[in-house]
Amino acid sequence: MTAVQTTNQVYHDIVGYVGDKYNELQRDVAGLAVGQANLLAHQNECLGGLSRQLMQNNYDAALRDAATNANIVAQAQ
């Protein structure tokens, strides 16, 4: 092999190696994006459940308050 051929082969090998590493990096970034999307979906699911539970607790407290007020009014009469 001549010096030019050797240099070309080394350049070709380096370009191939860098291309492979770039593809691996793209795959890893895509995997992270999917993981992040799944995490956000789970977080939203949990927060939605918490929000529904808080609304139910507020509703239950309002019913208790209404029943207590009705008892106080009934006893006062």
C-alpha atoms as a PDB file:
ATOM      1  CA  MET A   1       0.000   0.000   0.000  1.00  0.00           C
ATOM      2  CA  THR A   2       1.168   3.494  -0.729  1.00  0.00           C
ATOM      3  CA  ALA A   3       1.185   6.284   1.803  1.00  0.00           C
ATOM      4  CA  VAL A   4      -1.827   7.872   0.098  1.00  0.00           C
ATOM      5  CA  GLN A   5      -3.763   4.603   0.172  1.00  0.00           C
ATOM      6  CA  THR A   6      -2.882   4.079   3.822  1.00  0.00           C
ATOM      7  CA  THR A   7      -3.943   7.631   4.677  1.00  0.00           C
ATOM      8  CA  ASN A   8      -7.206   7.161   2.773  1.00  0.00           C
ATOM      9  CA  GLN A   9      -7.873   3.882   4.574  1.00  0.00           C
ATOM     10  CA  VAL A  10      -7.194   5.444   7.988  1.00  0.00           C
ATOM     11  CA  TYR A  11      -9.471   8.376   7.107  1.00  0.00           C
ATOM     12  CA  HIS A  12     -12.169   5.960   5.923  1.00  0.00           C
ATOM     13  CA  ASP A  13     -11.861   3.920   9.137  1.00  0.00           C
ATOM     14  CA  ILE A  14     -12.068   7.034  11.314  1.00  0.00           C
ATOM     15  CA  VAL A  15     -15.124   8.351   9.436  1.00  0.00           C
ATOM     16  CA  GLY A  16     -16.804   4.952   9.807  1.00  0.00           C
ATOM     17  CA  TYR A  17     -15.996   4.813  13.531  1.00  0.00           C
ATOM     18  CA  VAL A  18     -17.301   8.343  14.134  1.00  0.00           C
ATOM     19  CA  GLY A  19     -20.436   7.537  12.136  1.00  0.00           C
ATOM     20  CA  ASP A  20     -21.050   4.430  14.241  1.00  0.00           C
ATOM     21  CA  LYS A  21     -20.590   6.394  17.469  1.00  0.00           C
ATOM     22  CA  TYR A  22     -22.937   9.117  16.207  1.00  0.00           C
ATOM     23  CA  ASN A  23     -25.599   6.501  15.442  1.00  0.00           C
ATOM     24  CA  GLU A  24     -25.163   5.013  18.925  1.00  0.00           C
ATOM     25  CA  LEU A  25     -25.513   8.477  20.430  1.00  0.00           C
ATOM     26  CA  GLN A  26     -28.700   9.134  18.439  1.00  0.00           C
ATOM     27  CA  ARG A  27     -30.121   5.797  19.642  1.00  0.00           C
ATOM     28  CA  ASP A  28     -29.236   6.584  23.263  1.00  0.00           C
ATOM     29  CA  VAL A  29     -30.760  10.079  23.053  1.00  0.00           C
ATOM     30  CA  ALA A  30     -33.929   8.629  21.527  1.00  0.00           C
ATOM     31  CA  GLY A  31     -34.079   6.092  24.365  1.00  0.00           C
ATOM     32  CA  LEU A  32     -33.735   8.868  26.915  1.00  0.00           C
ATOM     33  CA  ALA A  33     -36.509  10.833  25.214  1.00  0.00           C
ATOM     34  CA  VAL A  34     -38.825   7.813  25.385  1.00  0.00           C
ATOM     35  CA  GLY A  35     -37.937   7.269  29.033  1.00  0.00           C
ATOM     36  CA  GLN A  36     -38.605  10.916  29.821  1.00  0.00           C
ATOM     37  CA  ALA A  37     -41.948  10.809  28.013  1.00  0.00           C
ATOM     38  CA  ASN A  38     -42.946   7.700  29.981  1.00  0.00           C
ATOM     39  CA  LEU A  39     -41.903   9.341  33.228  1.00  0.00           C
ATOM     40  CA  LEU A  40     -43.929  12.471  32.460  1.00  0.00           C
ATOM     41  CA  ALA A  41     -46.962  10.365  31.534  1.00  0.00           C
ATOM     42  CA  HIS A  42     -46.686   8.475  34.828  1.00  0.00           C
ATOM     43  CA  GLN A  43     -46.251  11.729  36.749  1.00  0.00           C
ATOM     44  CA  ASN A  44     -49.334  13.212  35.076  1.00  0.00           C
ATOM     45  CA  GLU A  45     -51.294  10.064  35.882  1.00  0.00           C
ATOM     46  CA  CYS A  46     -50.274  10.278  39.536  1.00  0.00           C
ATOM     47  CA  LEU A  47     -51.044  13.987  39.770  1.00  0.00           C
ATOM     48  CA  GLY A  48     -54.409  13.462  38.103  1.00  0.00           C
ATOM     49  CA  GLY A  49     -55.261  10.806  40.681  1.00  0.00           C
ATOM     50  CA  LEU A  50     -54.139  13.091  43.477  1.00  0.00           C
ATOM     51  CA  SER A  51     -56.240  15.930  42.074  1.00  0.00           C
ATOM     52  CA  ARG A  52     -59.319  13.685  41.896  1.00  0.00           C
ATOM     53  CA  GLN A  53     -58.722  12.541  45.487  1.00  0.00           C
ATOM     54  CA  LEU A  54     -58.377  16.135  46.715  1.00  0.00           C
ATOM     55  CA  MET A  55     -61.617  17.105  44.970  1.00  0.00           C
ATOM     56  CA  GLN A  56     -63.357  14.118  46.561  1.00  0.00           C
ATOM     57  CA  ASN A  57     -62.006  15.084  49.986  1.00  0.00           C
ATOM     58  CA  ASN A  58     -63.252  18.663  49.515  1.00  0.00           C
ATOM     59  CA  TYR A  59     -66.666  17.354  48.470  1.00  0.00           C
ATOM     60  CA  ASP A  60     -66.830  15.014  51.476  1.00  0.00           C
ATOM     61  CA  ALA A  61     -65.831  17.861  53.826  1.00  0.00           C
ATOM     62  CA  ALA A  62     -68.538  20.095  52.333  1.00  0.00           C
ATOM     63  CA  LEU A  63     -71.130  17.348  52.920  1.00  0.00           C
ATOM     64  CA  ARG A  64     -69.983  16.948  56.527  1.00  0.00           C
ATOM     65  CA  ASP A  65     -70.150  20.709  57.063  1.00  0.00           C
ATOM     66  CA  ALA A  66     -73.644  20.822  55.576  1.00  0.00           C
ATOM     67  CA  ALA A  67     -74.784  17.966  57.831  1.00  0.00           C
ATOM     68  CA  THR A  68     -73.236  19.659  60.883  1.00  0.00           C
ATOM     69  CA  ASN A  69     -74.910  22.955  60.013  1.00  0.00           C
ATOM     70  CA  ALA A  70     -78.240  21.185  59.538  1.00  0.00           C
ATOM     71  CA  ASN A  71     -77.900  19.539  62.973  1.00  0.00           C
ATOM     72  CA  ILE A  72     -77.061  22.876  64.625  1.00  0.00           C
ATOM     73  CA  VAL A  73     -80.062  24.538  62.981  1.00  0.00           C
ATOM     74  CA  ALA A  74     -82.344  21.642  63.946  1.00  0.00           C
ATOM     75  CA  GLN A  75     -81.195  21.759  67.578  1.00  0.00           C
ATOM     76  CA  ALA A  76     -81.598  25.533  67.727  1.00  0.00           C
ATOM     77  CA  GLN A  77     -85.195  25.337  66.611  1.00  0.00           C
END
